[in-house]
Amino acid sequence: MPVLDWIGKKAVVNHHREVPYRLIHCDKDKSVGDPDAGNLLVQGDNLEALKALLPYYAGKVKCIYIDPPYNTGNEGWVYNDNVNSPEIKAWLGSVVGKEAEDLSRHDKWLCMMYPRLRLLKEFLRDDGILAISCDDNEAHRLRSVIDDIFGSKNFVSTIIWQKRYSPAGDATWFSEEHDFILFIAKDRRNWSPKGLKRTAKQNSLYKNPDNDPRGPWQSDNYTANKNSDERPKSFYPLIQPNTGEEIWPSRTAVWRYSPEEHRRHVAEGLIWWGKTGRNTTPRFKRFLDKVGDVRPSTIWLHSDVGHNQDAKRELIDIFGREDNLFPTPKPISLIARIVQLCTEPGDIVLDSFAGSGTTGVAVAREGDGRRFILIEMESTICQSVTATRLQRVIEGYDREKTDGTKDRVKGISSGFRFCTLGDPLFDADGNVSPAVTYADLAAHVFFCETGSPIPRRADGSSPLIGVFQGRAIFLLHSAEAIGVASANAGNVLTVSMLASLPSPEPGFGGVRIVYGEGCTVPDERLARHGVTFKQIPYQIEGL
């Protein structure tokens, strides 16, 4: 199979494994609204933030939408649209090394995207979907990277979004009026888009020329583009009811329905022979009240999902000024369509390139228990743009009207926790950091042991932190007892501690895995009790 290679690839293919797990700290003063709404805004490098969130959200996210830098080479605005920002330069230098000095901007972009996409895949549910905005600068390289990580069989489709409402008169070649949105499933066999709600314009196409009491209808083809060799049973004559004439389909376009279905259609009055009733081509009457939602197409017009100017006006509406940080934000209606097509009430939507926070606004306005996780690297943007925009949408804000007066935009019932990245869980020597709480370490241990998030937050009241597929996971950890050699220390598995381990459930017959700093119980005794001991930190495995 063809593969994509670039300078620096070897350094980043497994880099996601080397990224340290960090603590997540929630700042109550910067959080807004209901803290239990389940929404997060994380400030920090999105690679480190994704690794920090993984023990809590792996396999739980239904939809990921990202709008990464398009890598246009434009360095004229603050929110840099290529990979020459100081943060990315420093990251490339540390990860790729001296080789980074020889990278083209496309090599740099691929080095930046690969480990992030690799981690994003771990967040998706088995029926999850990833949607990525891009343009012609990196579209073909992005598709190759996606195939490498997700497998080509899980690519779903490329959407064309009409981002402009009028041609660019100063275009050098063609007026660029669209972007792409690539859809990739975790497993395409498990995913399909929801239908779109019908619009008034679509419903207006249904008429009732024969005053059928069942209401408006629209005629549909009675033939299918299949030949008579493929469907021999669908090649048969129909009788024109008013002329008695035999009507045969074409050999290359047989009837869409079997003889039995056709007889039912006749009995139920579902055949339309034209206004005079004497047409020689039958049509099927499809009634409006029987049709469901509309299957989404691969072309999204600005009249349906908005354009760049709409998105700019949305920011001006909230901030009262035009903000040059985001000259080409995405309109809320565009992200709302993705959310509506890809999620159900209660689902989680993740955006690791949050920018101005459009994804969070779209999810919050959708409501129904949907939750968002946003990550934004730039601290100034995260606090002054992303967080502020979300706060005003949630709490409400005064909007200046065109006539100079103001009106109040009502807030919505929601909220978010503002989070930052703390210290790594382990220090340079591999020891558990003193800043790590029991709950933090338990979440990390459970995830590394099972590959799934911990079922409930552990508070240390019991060493049993969770059960997964016949395995009971125990954690012996007390920050005060770290390094204490005594067998009485709470971090050591002793004979008495072994006897006091709580049973996960009556008659539990699975394996018990105990994490601790040390163990004084002989291996034979551990085996008799069905216990496997793993020493902290040396036997905690990462992703």
Protein backbone atom coordinates (compact mmCIF):
# COMPACT_ATOMS: atom_id res chain seq x y z
CA MET A 1 0.00 0.00 0.00
CA PRO A 2 1.35 3.48 -0.80
CA VAL A 3 2.63 5.35 2.24
CA LEU A 4 3.41 8.99 2.96
CA ASP A 5 6.92 9.78 4.17
CA TRP A 6 8.48 13.03 5.24
CA ILE A 7 11.55 14.37 7.03
CA GLY A 8 11.04 13.88 10.76
CA LYS A 9 8.43 11.13 10.49
CA LYS A 10 10.49 8.57 12.41
CA ALA A 11 10.77 10.98 15.32
CA VAL A 12 7.03 11.57 15.67
CA VAL A 13 5.35 8.25 14.78
CA ASN A 14 5.60 7.05 18.38
CA HIS A 15 6.02 10.42 20.06
CA HIS A 16 2.52 10.26 21.58
CA ARG A 17 3.84 7.49 23.83
CA GLU A 18 6.62 9.74 25.14
CA VAL A 19 4.38 12.68 26.05
CA PRO A 20 4.14 12.77 29.86
CA TYR A 21 0.82 12.44 31.66
CA ARG A 22 0.15 15.73 33.39
CA LEU A 23 -2.24 16.78 36.10
CA ILE A 24 -5.36 18.74 35.20
CA HIS A 25 -6.14 21.68 37.48
CA CYS A 26 -9.55 23.37 37.42
CA ASP A 27 -9.59 27.10 38.19
CA LYS A 28 -12.84 27.95 39.98
CA ASP A 29 -12.33 31.68 39.51
CA LYS A 30 -12.18 31.32 35.71
CA SER A 31 -14.89 28.68 35.43
CA VAL A 32 -18.37 29.84 34.41
CA GLY A 33 -21.92 28.76 35.12
CA ASP A 34 -22.86 25.25 36.16
CA PRO A 35 -19.65 23.36 37.06
CA ASP A 36 -21.50 20.06 36.67
CA ALA A 37 -22.54 20.71 33.06
CA GLY A 38 -19.70 18.41 32.00
CA ASN A 39 -17.93 20.96 29.78
CA LEU A 40 -14.19 21.68 29.88
CA LEU A 41 -12.00 24.44 28.47
CA VAL A 42 -8.34 23.45 28.82
CA GLN A 43 -5.53 25.95 28.33
CA GLY A 44 -2.28 24.36 27.23
CA ASP A 45 -0.41 22.58 24.46
CA ASN A 46 -3.01 20.36 22.86
CA LEU A 47 -0.67 17.37 22.65
CA GLU A 48 0.01 17.43 26.39
CA ALA A 49 -3.60 18.29 27.16
CA LEU A 50 -4.86 15.33 25.14
CA LYS A 51 -2.49 13.00 27.00
CA ALA A 52 -3.62 14.44 30.33
CA LEU A 53 -7.30 13.95 29.47
CA LEU A 54 -6.90 10.45 28.06
CA PRO A 55 -7.30 8.53 31.35
CA TYR A 56 -10.68 10.20 31.83
CA TYR A 57 -12.14 10.28 28.32
CA ALA A 58 -10.53 7.48 26.26
CA GLY A 59 -13.19 5.74 24.19
CA LYS A 60 -15.92 8.13 25.40
CA VAL A 61 -16.05 10.85 22.72
CA LYS A 62 -18.67 10.51 19.99
CA CYS A 63 -17.52 13.37 17.74
CA ILE A 64 -14.22 15.19 17.32
CA TYR A 65 -14.09 18.33 15.21
CA ILE A 66 -10.81 20.13 14.64
CA ASP A 67 -9.87 23.16 12.60
CA PRO A 68 -6.06 22.96 12.62
CA PRO A 69 -3.78 25.54 10.99
CA TYR A 70 -4.21 25.39 7.20
CA ASN A 71 -0.46 26.03 6.80
CA THR A 72 -0.98 28.78 4.24
CA GLY A 73 2.28 30.50 5.15
CA ASN A 74 0.38 33.56 6.33
CA GLU A 75 2.21 35.03 9.31
CA GLY A 76 0.44 38.39 9.33
CA TRP A 77 -1.90 37.74 12.20
CA VAL A 78 -1.58 36.70 15.82
CA TYR A 79 -3.22 33.29 15.70
CA ASN A 80 -0.57 31.92 13.38
CA ASP A 81 -1.87 29.93 10.41
CA ASN A 82 1.31 27.95 9.88
CA VAL A 83 3.82 26.02 11.92
CA ASN A 84 6.42 28.75 12.43
CA SER A 85 5.00 29.88 15.76
CA PRO A 86 7.54 29.91 18.62
CA GLU A 87 5.69 27.09 20.42
CA ILE A 88 5.77 24.75 17.42
CA LYS A 89 9.39 25.67 16.60
CA ALA A 90 10.46 24.80 20.13
CA TRP A 91 8.48 21.56 20.07
CA LEU A 92 9.97 20.50 16.72
CA GLY A 93 13.47 21.27 17.96
CA SER A 94 13.05 19.10 21.05
CA VAL A 95 11.28 16.20 19.35
CA VAL A 96 12.83 16.05 15.89
CA GLY A 97 16.23 17.46 16.83
CA LYS A 98 18.72 19.01 14.39
CA GLU A 99 16.83 17.46 11.51
CA ALA A 100 14.08 20.01 12.19
CA GLU A 101 16.29 22.73 10.70
CA ASP A 102 15.90 21.12 7.28
CA LEU A 103 12.14 20.72 7.36
CA SER A 104 9.88 22.40 4.85
CA ARG A 105 6.68 23.92 6.21
CA HIS A 106 4.83 20.82 4.98
CA ASP A 107 7.22 18.52 6.88
CA LYS A 108 6.66 20.63 9.99
CA TRP A 109 2.90 20.50 9.59
CA LEU A 110 2.94 16.72 9.26
CA CYS A 111 5.22 16.38 12.30
CA MET A 112 2.83 18.56 14.29
CA MET A 113 -0.35 16.76 13.17
CA TYR A 114 0.68 13.10 13.35
CA PRO A 115 1.00 12.56 17.12
CA ARG A 116 -2.07 14.70 17.77
CA LEU A 117 -4.19 12.64 15.38
CA ARG A 118 -2.78 9.49 16.93
CA LEU A 119 -3.99 10.56 20.36
CA LEU A 120 -7.34 11.82 19.07
CA LYS A 121 -8.13 8.36 17.75
CA GLU A 122 -7.88 6.99 21.30
CA PHE A 123 -10.67 9.30 22.47
CA LEU A 124 -13.26 8.09 19.95
CA ARG A 125 -15.96 5.62 20.81
CA ASP A 126 -16.26 2.58 18.55
CA ASP A 127 -19.09 4.44 16.79
CA GLY A 128 -17.24 7.76 16.86
CA ILE A 129 -16.39 10.16 14.03
CA LEU A 130 -13.59 12.66 13.39
CA ALA A 131 -14.22 15.74 11.22
CA ILE A 132 -11.29 17.92 10.09
CA SER A 133 -11.43 21.26 8.27
CA CYS A 134 -8.71 21.98 5.72
CA ASP A 135 -8.08 23.49 2.30
CA ASP A 136 -5.92 22.65 -0.71
CA ASN A 137 -2.66 23.47 1.09
CA GLU A 138 -2.57 20.19 3.03
CA ALA A 139 -5.70 18.24 1.98
CA HIS A 140 -3.89 15.47 0.12
CA ARG A 141 -1.20 15.05 2.79
CA LEU A 142 -3.85 15.05 5.50
CA ARG A 143 -5.77 12.29 3.72
CA SER A 144 -2.60 10.17 3.55
CA VAL A 145 -1.87 10.66 7.25
CA ILE A 146 -5.46 9.77 8.13
CA ASP A 147 -5.24 6.56 6.08
CA ASP A 148 -2.01 5.70 7.90
CA ILE A 149 -3.55 6.15 11.38
CA PHE A 150 -7.19 5.14 10.90
CA GLY A 151 -6.91 2.85 7.88
CA SER A 152 -8.24 3.81 4.45
CA LYS A 153 -11.31 1.62 4.95
CA ASN A 154 -12.54 4.00 7.66
CA PHE A 155 -12.48 7.15 5.54
CA VAL A 156 -16.11 8.25 5.06
CA SER A 157 -16.29 11.30 2.82
CA THR A 158 -14.99 14.76 1.92
CA ILE A 159 -17.48 17.58 2.34
CA ILE A 160 -17.23 20.75 0.27
CA TRP A 161 -18.27 23.81 2.27
CA GLN A 162 -19.02 27.02 0.36
CA LYS A 163 -17.23 29.50 2.62
CA ARG A 164 -17.75 32.60 0.47
CA TYR A 165 -20.98 34.09 -0.80
CA SER A 166 -19.42 36.01 -3.71
CA PRO A 167 -16.39 35.52 -6.01
CA ALA A 168 -13.09 37.18 -5.14
CA GLY A 169 -12.44 39.77 -7.85
CA ASP A 170 -8.73 40.02 -6.98
CA ALA A 171 -8.02 36.28 -7.25
CA THR A 172 -4.78 35.49 -9.11
CA TRP A 173 -6.05 32.20 -10.55
CA PHE A 174 -9.41 30.89 -9.37
CA SER A 175 -11.62 32.48 -6.76
CA GLU A 176 -11.33 30.12 -3.80
CA GLU A 177 -14.84 29.75 -2.47
CA HIS A 178 -14.76 26.46 -0.58
CA ASP A 179 -13.00 24.54 2.15
CA PHE A 180 -13.03 20.81 2.81
CA ILE A 181 -14.26 18.88 5.84
CA LEU A 182 -12.93 15.33 5.95
CA PHE A 183 -14.98 12.74 7.87
CA ILE A 184 -13.18 9.67 9.26
CA ALA A 185 -14.83 7.02 11.43
CA LYS A 186 -13.18 5.03 14.21
CA ASP A 187 -14.87 2.06 12.53
CA ARG A 188 -16.99 2.89 9.49
CA ARG A 189 -19.11 -0.24 10.04
CA ASN A 190 -20.40 1.29 13.28
CA TRP A 191 -21.13 4.83 12.11
CA SER A 192 -23.65 6.58 9.90
CA PRO A 193 -24.82 10.21 9.87
CA LYS A 194 -28.18 11.23 11.20
CA GLY A 195 -30.63 12.76 8.76
CA LEU A 196 -31.20 16.48 8.39
CA LYS A 197 -34.50 18.02 9.39
CA ARG A 198 -36.59 18.93 6.38
CA THR A 199 -36.80 22.61 5.46
CA ALA A 200 -39.92 24.53 4.45
CA LYS A 201 -38.45 24.83 0.95
CA GLN A 202 -38.07 21.07 0.66
CA ASN A 203 -41.60 20.49 1.94
CA SER A 204 -42.99 23.01 -0.56
CA LEU A 205 -42.06 20.64 -3.40
CA TYR A 206 -44.85 18.31 -2.28
CA LYS A 207 -48.19 19.11 -3.95
CA ASN A 208 -51.64 17.55 -4.12
CA PRO A 209 -52.88 17.91 -7.73
CA ASP A 210 -55.47 15.12 -7.38
CA ASN A 211 -56.77 16.27 -3.96
CA ASP A 212 -55.70 13.01 -2.35
CA PRO A 213 -57.11 12.93 1.21
CA ARG A 214 -53.74 11.67 2.43
CA GLY A 215 -52.21 15.08 1.77
CA PRO A 216 -49.32 16.50 -0.29
CA TRP A 217 -47.14 14.11 -2.26
CA GLN A 218 -44.35 14.06 -4.81
CA SER A 219 -43.97 11.61 -7.68
CA ASP A 220 -40.88 9.43 -7.87
CA ASN A 221 -39.30 7.21 -10.54
CA TYR A 222 -40.85 3.78 -10.92
CA THR A 223 -37.75 2.39 -12.60
CA ALA A 224 -34.25 1.60 -11.35
CA ASN A 225 -30.97 1.73 -13.27
CA LYS A 226 -30.63 -2.05 -13.27
CA ASN A 227 -30.76 -4.31 -16.31
CA SER A 228 -33.04 -7.28 -16.78
CA ASP A 229 -30.16 -9.77 -16.38
CA GLU A 230 -29.48 -8.41 -12.88
CA ARG A 231 -33.15 -8.31 -11.90
CA PRO A 232 -35.09 -10.69 -14.12
CA LYS A 233 -38.12 -10.64 -11.81
CA SER A 234 -38.39 -6.87 -12.21
CA PHE A 235 -38.81 -7.11 -15.98
CA TYR A 236 -42.56 -7.59 -16.42
CA PRO A 237 -45.49 -5.70 -18.00
CA LEU A 238 -47.80 -3.28 -16.22
CA ILE A 239 -51.34 -2.61 -17.38
CA GLN A 240 -52.26 1.03 -18.01
CA PRO A 241 -55.60 1.23 -16.11
CA ASN A 242 -57.35 3.66 -18.49
CA THR A 243 -56.14 2.30 -21.86
CA GLY A 244 -55.52 -1.38 -21.08
CA GLU A 245 -52.12 -1.10 -22.77
CA GLU A 246 -49.20 -3.26 -21.62
CA ILE A 247 -46.30 -1.09 -20.39
CA TRP A 248 -42.85 -2.70 -20.37
CA PRO A 249 -39.73 -1.20 -18.77
CA SER A 250 -36.47 -0.82 -20.62
CA ARG A 251 -34.08 -3.77 -20.61
CA THR A 252 -31.50 -1.46 -18.98
CA ALA A 253 -33.88 0.18 -16.49
CA VAL A 254 -36.33 -2.36 -15.04
CA TRP A 255 -39.12 -1.66 -12.57
CA ARG A 256 -37.96 -0.60 -9.13
CA TYR A 257 -40.55 -2.82 -7.42
CA SER A 258 -41.42 -6.52 -7.58
CA PRO A 259 -44.77 -7.69 -9.06
CA GLU A 260 -46.09 -8.24 -5.52
CA GLU A 261 -45.12 -4.73 -4.42
CA HIS A 262 -46.67 -3.27 -7.58
CA ARG A 263 -49.99 -4.99 -6.90
CA ARG A 264 -49.95 -3.51 -3.40
CA HIS A 265 -49.24 -0.06 -4.83
CA VAL A 266 -52.22 -0.40 -7.17
CA ALA A 267 -54.49 -1.49 -4.34
CA GLU A 268 -53.37 1.45 -2.17
CA GLY A 269 -53.63 4.05 -4.97
CA LEU A 270 -49.92 4.86 -5.02
CA ILE A 271 -49.46 4.95 -8.81
CA TRP A 272 -49.65 8.25 -10.72
CA TRP A 273 -50.39 8.10 -14.45
CA GLY A 274 -50.30 11.84 -15.01
CA LYS A 275 -53.00 14.54 -14.87
CA THR A 276 -54.98 12.92 -17.70
CA GLY A 277 -54.52 9.45 -16.26
CA ARG A 278 -53.30 8.18 -19.64
CA ASN A 279 -49.52 8.53 -19.38
CA THR A 280 -47.48 5.53 -20.50
CA THR A 281 -44.89 5.99 -17.73
CA PRO A 282 -46.04 5.30 -14.15
CA ARG A 283 -44.76 7.33 -11.18
CA PHE A 284 -44.80 6.45 -7.48
CA LYS A 285 -46.70 8.74 -5.11
CA ARG A 286 -44.50 9.50 -2.09
CA PHE A 287 -46.47 11.31 0.61
CA LEU A 288 -44.93 14.05 2.72
CA ASP A 289 -46.06 12.55 6.02
CA LYS A 290 -44.27 9.30 5.14
CA VAL A 291 -40.85 10.73 4.30
CA GLY A 292 -38.24 11.06 7.02
CA ASP A 293 -35.24 13.28 7.47
CA VAL A 294 -33.03 14.18 4.51
CA ARG A 295 -29.84 12.25 3.83
CA PRO A 296 -26.95 14.79 3.98
CA SER A 297 -25.04 15.51 0.78
CA THR A 298 -21.34 16.20 0.26
CA ILE A 299 -21.90 19.83 -0.79
CA TRP A 300 -22.84 22.31 1.95
CA LEU A 301 -23.95 25.69 0.63
CA HIS A 302 -23.44 28.90 2.55
CA SER A 303 -27.18 29.50 2.40
CA ASP A 304 -27.62 26.39 4.59
CA VAL A 305 -24.65 26.48 6.96
CA GLY A 306 -23.26 30.02 6.79
CA HIS A 307 -20.07 31.55 5.44
CA ASN A 308 -16.99 33.32 6.77
CA GLN A 309 -18.67 36.72 6.94
CA ASP A 310 -21.44 35.23 9.07
CA ALA A 311 -18.78 33.92 11.44
CA LYS A 312 -17.09 37.33 11.65
CA ARG A 313 -20.39 38.99 12.41
CA GLU A 314 -21.04 36.46 15.19
CA LEU A 315 -17.77 37.48 16.88
CA ILE A 316 -18.47 41.18 16.40
CA ASP A 317 -21.94 40.62 17.83
CA ILE A 318 -20.45 39.25 21.05
CA PHE A 319 -17.29 41.36 21.43
CA GLY A 320 -18.66 44.58 19.96
CA ARG A 321 -15.64 44.95 17.70
CA GLU A 322 -13.91 43.21 14.83
CA ASP A 323 -11.16 41.00 16.21
CA ASN A 324 -8.21 40.48 13.87
CA LEU A 325 -7.16 37.36 15.75
CA PHE A 326 -9.64 35.35 13.72
CA PRO A 327 -10.14 36.69 10.18
CA THR A 328 -11.67 33.41 9.01
CA PRO A 329 -13.55 31.79 11.91
CA LYS A 330 -16.12 29.09 11.26
CA PRO A 331 -19.82 30.00 11.53
CA ILE A 332 -21.80 28.45 14.36
CA SER A 333 -24.33 27.02 11.90
CA LEU A 334 -21.56 25.02 10.17
CA ILE A 335 -20.38 23.38 13.40
CA ALA A 336 -23.98 22.96 14.53
CA ARG A 337 -24.66 20.86 11.43
CA ILE A 338 -21.72 18.57 12.28
CA VAL A 339 -22.98 18.24 15.85
CA GLN A 340 -26.52 17.48 14.67
CA LEU A 341 -25.38 14.90 12.11
CA CYS A 342 -22.93 13.13 14.39
CA THR A 343 -24.23 13.21 17.96
CA GLU A 344 -27.15 12.38 20.21
CA PRO A 345 -28.20 14.00 23.49
CA GLY A 346 -25.60 13.30 26.16
CA ASP A 347 -22.71 12.78 23.72
CA ILE A 348 -19.28 14.40 24.11
CA VAL A 349 -17.76 16.61 21.39
CA LEU A 350 -14.01 17.34 21.48
CA ASP A 351 -12.15 20.18 19.75
CA SER A 352 -8.40 20.32 20.39
CA PHE A 353 -7.84 23.42 18.21
CA ALA A 354 -10.54 25.48 19.91
CA GLY A 355 -9.60 28.95 18.65
CA SER A 356 -12.50 31.33 19.21
CA GLY A 357 -14.62 28.58 20.77
CA THR A 358 -17.21 28.12 18.02
CA THR A 359 -17.48 24.37 18.72
CA GLY A 360 -18.28 25.03 22.38
CA VAL A 361 -20.95 27.57 21.48
CA ALA A 362 -22.56 25.21 18.95
CA VAL A 363 -22.64 22.31 21.43
CA ALA A 364 -23.91 24.44 24.32
CA ARG A 365 -26.71 25.92 22.22
CA GLU A 366 -27.72 22.46 21.04
CA GLY A 367 -28.33 21.47 24.65
CA ASP A 368 -29.92 18.10 25.48
CA GLY A 369 -27.00 17.13 27.68
CA ARG A 370 -24.39 17.30 24.94
CA ARG A 371 -20.99 18.21 26.36
CA PHE A 372 -17.85 19.82 24.96
CA ILE A 373 -14.14 19.55 25.65
CA LEU A 374 -12.11 22.40 24.18
CA ILE A 375 -8.32 22.79 24.17
CA GLU A 376 -6.58 26.04 23.24
CA MET A 377 -2.80 26.48 23.27
CA GLU A 378 -2.45 30.27 23.20
CA SER A 379 -3.01 31.54 26.77
CA THR A 380 -4.06 35.04 25.70
CA ILE A 381 -6.57 33.74 23.18
CA CYS A 382 -7.88 31.07 25.54
CA GLN A 383 -8.70 33.58 28.28
CA SER A 384 -9.59 36.74 26.38
CA VAL A 385 -11.38 35.19 23.39
CA THR A 386 -12.40 31.55 23.91
CA ALA A 387 -13.39 31.75 27.59
CA THR A 388 -14.90 35.22 27.26
CA ARG A 389 -17.04 34.23 24.30
CA LEU A 390 -18.33 31.13 26.08
CA GLN A 391 -19.01 33.14 29.23
CA ARG A 392 -21.07 35.74 27.39
CA VAL A 393 -23.07 33.10 25.53
CA ILE A 394 -23.81 31.31 28.83
CA GLU A 395 -24.50 34.37 30.98
CA GLY A 396 -26.02 36.59 28.29
CA TYR A 397 -24.66 39.86 26.94
CA ASP A 398 -25.61 43.30 25.67
CA ARG A 399 -25.61 43.51 21.88
CA GLU A 400 -25.21 46.77 20.03
CA LYS A 401 -27.77 47.20 17.25
CA THR A 402 -27.23 48.97 13.96
CA ASP A 403 -29.20 52.01 15.16
CA GLY A 404 -26.81 52.50 18.10
CA THR A 405 -29.12 51.09 20.75
CA LYS A 406 -28.50 47.88 22.69
CA ASP A 407 -30.59 44.85 23.47
CA ARG A 408 -29.98 41.98 25.86
CA VAL A 409 -29.18 38.55 24.47
CA LYS A 410 -30.44 35.93 26.90
CA GLY A 411 -27.95 33.40 28.21
CA ILE A 412 -28.30 29.64 28.08
CA SER A 413 -28.36 27.10 30.88
CA SER A 414 -24.85 25.68 30.81
CA GLY A 415 -21.35 26.16 32.16
CA PHE A 416 -17.75 25.05 31.85
CA ARG A 417 -14.72 24.35 34.00
CA PHE A 418 -11.59 26.31 33.07
CA CYS A 419 -8.57 24.01 33.38
CA THR A 420 -4.81 24.28 33.07
CA LEU A 421 -2.05 21.69 32.87
CA GLY A 422 -0.06 20.97 36.01
CA ASP A 423 3.04 18.96 36.78
CA PRO A 424 3.73 15.57 35.20
CA LEU A 425 2.52 12.62 37.27
CA PHE A 426 6.09 11.35 37.47
CA ASP A 427 9.27 13.32 38.08
CA ALA A 428 12.53 13.03 36.15
CA ASP A 429 13.55 10.01 38.24
CA GLY A 430 10.29 8.19 37.55
CA ASN A 431 8.85 8.72 41.02
CA VAL A 432 5.27 9.82 41.65
CA SER A 433 5.18 13.59 41.97
CA PRO A 434 4.28 14.86 45.47
CA ALA A 435 1.59 17.02 43.85
CA VAL A 436 -0.29 13.95 42.62
CA THR A 437 -3.46 13.13 44.55
CA TYR A 438 -4.88 9.67 45.08
CA ALA A 439 -7.67 10.40 42.58
CA ASP A 440 -5.15 11.51 39.94
CA LEU A 441 -2.96 8.43 40.30
CA ALA A 442 -5.97 6.09 40.47
CA ALA A 443 -7.35 7.43 37.21
CA HIS A 444 -3.96 7.02 35.56
CA VAL A 445 -3.34 3.51 36.93
CA PHE A 446 -6.79 2.26 35.96
CA PHE A 447 -6.49 3.64 32.43
CA CYS A 448 -3.00 2.21 31.87
CA GLU A 449 -4.11 -1.19 33.17
CA THR A 450 -7.39 -1.43 31.25
CA GLY A 451 -7.27 1.12 28.42
CA SER A 452 -10.57 2.53 29.72
CA PRO A 453 -11.39 5.53 31.92
CA ILE A 454 -11.95 4.88 35.60
CA PRO A 455 -15.67 4.19 36.24
CA ARG A 456 -15.91 6.67 39.11
CA ARG A 457 -13.58 9.11 40.83
CA ALA A 458 -11.57 7.38 43.54
CA ASP A 459 -11.39 9.23 46.85
CA GLY A 460 -8.98 6.89 48.68
CA SER A 461 -11.58 5.55 51.11
CA SER A 462 -11.05 2.10 49.57
CA PRO A 463 -8.02 0.65 47.78
CA LEU A 464 -10.40 -0.88 45.19
CA ILE A 465 -10.57 1.65 42.35
CA GLY A 466 -12.56 -0.32 39.78
CA VAL A 467 -13.35 -3.59 38.02
CA PHE A 468 -12.87 -4.21 34.31
CA GLN A 469 -13.42 -7.45 32.36
CA GLY A 470 -12.81 -9.78 35.28
CA ARG A 471 -9.95 -7.73 36.72
CA ALA A 472 -10.24 -5.93 40.05
CA ILE A 473 -7.76 -3.03 40.26
CA PHE A 474 -6.43 -1.93 43.66
CA LEU A 475 -4.17 1.04 44.46
CA LEU A 476 -2.14 1.42 47.64
CA HIS A 477 -0.97 5.01 47.70
CA SER A 478 -0.48 7.69 50.29
CA ALA A 479 1.68 10.69 49.54
CA GLU A 480 2.82 10.80 53.20
CA ALA A 481 4.00 7.18 53.04
CA ILE A 482 6.09 7.43 49.86
CA GLY A 483 9.59 6.10 50.50
CA VAL A 484 8.74 4.74 53.95
CA ALA A 485 10.39 1.32 54.19
CA SER A 486 8.24 0.03 57.03
CA ALA A 487 5.96 -2.88 56.25
CA ASN A 488 3.26 -0.99 58.11
CA ALA A 489 3.28 1.84 55.57
CA GLY A 490 0.06 2.19 53.62
CA ASN A 491 1.84 1.91 50.25
CA VAL A 492 3.16 -1.61 50.88
CA LEU A 493 1.22 -4.82 50.26
CA THR A 494 1.64 -6.88 53.43
CA VAL A 495 0.01 -10.14 54.51
CA SER A 496 -2.49 -8.25 56.66
CA MET A 497 -3.18 -5.78 53.86
CA LEU A 498 -3.73 -8.68 51.46
CA ALA A 499 -6.26 -10.24 53.84
CA SER A 500 -8.12 -6.93 54.19
CA LEU A 501 -8.50 -6.18 50.49
CA PRO A 502 -12.23 -5.71 49.86
CA SER A 503 -14.02 -8.13 47.55
CA PRO A 504 -15.32 -6.47 44.36
CA GLU A 505 -18.54 -8.49 44.63
CA PRO A 506 -19.77 -11.67 46.33
CA GLY A 507 -18.12 -14.73 44.82
CA PHE A 508 -15.72 -12.70 42.67
CA GLY A 509 -13.51 -15.19 40.81
CA GLY A 510 -11.44 -12.88 38.64
CA VAL A 511 -7.89 -11.59 38.94
CA ARG A 512 -6.93 -8.99 41.53
CA ILE A 513 -4.20 -6.56 40.47
CA VAL A 514 -2.62 -4.51 43.24
CA TYR A 515 -0.46 -1.45 42.62
CA GLY A 516 1.79 -0.27 45.43
CA GLU A 517 5.27 0.92 46.31
CA GLY A 518 6.35 -2.40 47.69
CA CYS A 519 5.27 -5.95 48.54
CA THR A 520 6.28 -8.27 51.41
CA VAL A 521 3.99 -11.16 50.45
CA PRO A 522 5.73 -14.19 48.86
CA ASP A 523 4.89 -14.87 45.21
CA GLU A 524 3.42 -18.29 46.02
CA ARG A 525 0.93 -16.76 48.44
CA LEU A 526 -0.03 -14.06 45.94
CA ALA A 527 -0.66 -16.75 43.35
CA ARG A 528 -2.89 -18.75 45.71
CA HIS A 529 -5.03 -15.66 46.26
CA GLY A 530 -5.17 -14.80 42.56
CA VAL A 531 -3.25 -11.55 43.09
CA THR A 532 -0.74 -9.89 40.77
CA PHE A 533 1.39 -7.17 42.34
CA LYS A 534 2.73 -4.27 40.26
CA GLN A 535 5.24 -1.84 41.69
CA ILE A 536 4.76 1.92 41.42
CA PRO A 537 6.12 3.60 39.37
CA TYR A 538 8.14 1.00 37.48
CA GLN A 539 5.31 -1.28 36.38
CA ILE A 540 2.79 1.38 35.39
CA GLU A 541 2.60 1.11 31.65
CA GLY A 542 1.75 4.04 29.40
CA LEU A 543 -0.28 4.15 26.21
